[in-house]
């Protein structure tokens, strides 16, 4: 569920699903450890059957597989003030 004014969508326990995504694992590889996480990265094919706001982000986070570098899920993060990869 995505509520007006909220940055992120959330799951509602026991509610009827309002979106559907097929998730296929394409591969797993090792990578340098990132801030206390296991050094594994996986690549998935995401095939949305519906088009809800933040659907892919919410489904992957709900599976315990948040998107690498996503500033909204699992929680909203402020941008790093020393990261100059994005324009001001």
C-alpha atoms as a PDB file:
ATOM      1  CA  UNK A   1       0.000   0.000   0.000  1.00  0.00           C
ATOM      2  CA  UNK A   2       1.334   3.446  -0.921  1.00  0.00           C
ATOM      3  CA  UNK A   3      -0.252   6.227   1.093  1.00  0.00           C
ATOM      4  CA  UNK A   4      -0.393   9.819  -0.145  1.00  0.00           C
ATOM      5  CA  UNK A   5       2.540  11.798   1.256  1.00  0.00           C
ATOM      6  CA  UNK A   6       4.539   8.703   2.270  1.00  0.00           C
ATOM      7  CA  UNK A   7       7.903   8.114   0.572  1.00  0.00           C
ATOM      8  CA  UNK A   8       7.672   4.312   0.624  1.00  0.00           C
ATOM      9  CA  UNK A   9       4.953   1.724   0.127  1.00  0.00           C
ATOM     10  CA  UNK A  10       4.353  -0.882   2.797  1.00  0.00           C
ATOM     11  CA  UNK A  11       2.858  -4.350   3.160  1.00  0.00           C
ATOM     12  CA  UNK A  12      -0.396  -4.786   5.054  1.00  0.00           C
ATOM     13  CA  UNK A  13      -0.557  -8.177   6.790  1.00  0.00           C
ATOM     14  CA  UNK A  14      -3.611 -10.207   5.792  1.00  0.00           C
ATOM     15  CA  UNK A  15      -4.642  -7.786   3.033  1.00  0.00           C
ATOM     16  CA  UNK A  16      -5.434  -8.958  -0.491  1.00  0.00           C
ATOM     17  CA  UNK A  17      -2.369  -8.396  -2.744  1.00  0.00           C
ATOM     18  CA  UNK A  18      -2.841  -5.440  -5.100  1.00  0.00           C
ATOM     19  CA  UNK A  19       0.246  -6.068  -7.241  1.00  0.00           C
ATOM     20  CA  UNK A  20       2.158  -9.004  -8.671  1.00  0.00           C
ATOM     21  CA  UNK A  21       5.748  -9.470  -9.846  1.00  0.00           C
ATOM     22  CA  UNK A  22       7.462 -12.574 -11.175  1.00  0.00           C
ATOM     23  CA  UNK A  23      11.042 -12.809  -9.850  1.00  0.00           C
ATOM     24  CA  UNK A  24      13.698 -14.987 -11.528  1.00  0.00           C
ATOM     25  CA  UNK A  25      17.216 -15.486 -10.138  1.00  0.00           C
ATOM     26  CA  UNK A  26      19.754 -15.064 -12.955  1.00  0.00           C
ATOM     27  CA  UNK A  27      22.990 -15.472 -11.007  1.00  0.00           C
ATOM     28  CA  UNK A  28      24.969 -14.906  -7.812  1.00  0.00           C
ATOM     29  CA  UNK A  29      28.517 -13.628  -7.414  1.00  0.00           C
ATOM     30  CA  UNK A  30      30.821 -12.573  -4.622  1.00  0.00           C
ATOM     31  CA  UNK A  31      31.667  -8.925  -4.138  1.00  0.00           C
ATOM     32  CA  UNK A  32      33.469  -6.810  -1.550  1.00  0.00           C
ATOM     33  CA  UNK A  33      31.555  -6.714   1.746  1.00  0.00           C
ATOM     34  CA  UNK A  34      29.301  -3.671   2.123  1.00  0.00           C
ATOM     35  CA  UNK A  35      28.812  -2.260   5.634  1.00  0.00           C
ATOM     36  CA  UNK A  36      28.245  -5.508   7.510  1.00  0.00           C
ATOM     37  CA  UNK A  37      26.445  -7.394   4.741  1.00  0.00           C
ATOM     38  CA  UNK A  38      27.457 -10.760   3.306  1.00  0.00           C
ATOM     39  CA  UNK A  39      29.732 -10.359   0.269  1.00  0.00           C
ATOM     40  CA  UNK A  40      27.134 -11.725  -2.188  1.00  0.00           C
ATOM     41  CA  UNK A  41      25.350  -9.962  -5.005  1.00  0.00           C
ATOM     42  CA  UNK A  42      22.532 -11.500  -7.025  1.00  0.00           C
ATOM     43  CA  UNK A  43      21.046 -10.553 -10.353  1.00  0.00           C
ATOM     44  CA  UNK A  44      17.306 -10.984 -10.894  1.00  0.00           C
ATOM     45  CA  UNK A  45      14.867 -10.589 -13.759  1.00  0.00           C
ATOM     46  CA  UNK A  46      11.772  -8.752 -12.508  1.00  0.00           C
ATOM     47  CA  UNK A  47       8.602  -9.126 -14.557  1.00  0.00           C
ATOM     48  CA  UNK A  48       5.832  -6.927 -13.149  1.00  0.00           C
ATOM     49  CA  UNK A  49       2.295  -8.041 -14.006  1.00  0.00           C
ATOM     50  CA  UNK A  50       0.839  -4.845 -12.540  1.00  0.00           C
ATOM     51  CA  UNK A  51       2.219  -1.312 -12.387  1.00  0.00           C
ATOM     52  CA  UNK A  52       2.016   0.027  -8.845  1.00  0.00           C
ATOM     53  CA  UNK A  53       4.183   2.791  -7.382  1.00  0.00           C
ATOM     54  CA  UNK A  54       7.430   1.326  -5.956  1.00  0.00           C
ATOM     55  CA  UNK A  55       6.166  -2.181  -6.808  1.00  0.00           C
ATOM     56  CA  UNK A  56       9.540  -3.706  -7.689  1.00  0.00           C
ATOM     57  CA  UNK A  57      11.312  -2.071  -4.757  1.00  0.00           C
ATOM     58  CA  UNK A  58       8.599  -3.163  -2.305  1.00  0.00           C
ATOM     59  CA  UNK A  59       8.450  -6.752  -3.571  1.00  0.00           C
ATOM     60  CA  UNK A  60      12.207  -7.255  -3.485  1.00  0.00           C
ATOM     61  CA  UNK A  61      12.446  -5.690  -0.022  1.00  0.00           C
ATOM     62  CA  UNK A  62       9.564  -7.906   1.144  1.00  0.00           C
ATOM     63  CA  UNK A  63      11.569 -10.940   0.007  1.00  0.00           C
ATOM     64  CA  UNK A  64      14.539  -9.718   2.056  1.00  0.00           C
ATOM     65  CA  UNK A  65      16.368  -8.693  -1.140  1.00  0.00           C
ATOM     66  CA  UNK A  66      16.528  -4.881  -1.165  1.00  0.00           C
ATOM     67  CA  UNK A  67      17.976  -3.239  -4.277  1.00  0.00           C
ATOM     68  CA  UNK A  68      21.639  -2.248  -3.978  1.00  0.00           C
ATOM     69  CA  UNK A  69      21.955   1.524  -3.580  1.00  0.00           C
ATOM     70  CA  UNK A  70      18.193   2.140  -3.262  1.00  0.00           C
ATOM     71  CA  UNK A  71      17.718   5.245  -1.067  1.00  0.00           C
ATOM     72  CA  UNK A  72      14.088   4.359  -0.134  1.00  0.00           C
ATOM     73  CA  UNK A  73      14.019   0.696   0.876  1.00  0.00           C
ATOM     74  CA  UNK A  74      14.353  -0.763   3.432  1.00  0.00           C
ATOM     75  CA  UNK A  75      14.292   2.770   4.880  1.00  0.00           C
ATOM     76  CA  UNK A  76      14.751   6.303   3.562  1.00  0.00           C
ATOM     77  CA  UNK A  77      18.374   7.463   3.706  1.00  0.00           C
ATOM     78  CA  UNK A  78      19.790  10.929   3.227  1.00  0.00           C
ATOM     79  CA  UNK A  79      22.309  11.341   0.404  1.00  0.00           C
ATOM     80  CA  UNK A  80      25.974  11.280   1.383  1.00  0.00           C
ATOM     81  CA  UNK A  81      27.201  14.910   1.287  1.00  0.00           C
ATOM     82  CA  UNK A  82      30.590  13.731  -0.036  1.00  0.00           C
ATOM     83  CA  UNK A  83      29.074  11.770  -2.962  1.00  0.00           C
ATOM     84  CA  UNK A  84      29.525  13.914  -6.082  1.00  0.00           C
ATOM     85  CA  UNK A  85      28.210  11.373  -8.612  1.00  0.00           C
ATOM     86  CA  UNK A  86      24.851  13.181  -8.906  1.00  0.00           C
ATOM     87  CA  UNK A  87      24.375  16.810  -9.931  1.00  0.00           C
ATOM     88  CA  UNK A  88      23.262  19.331  -7.318  1.00  0.00           C
END
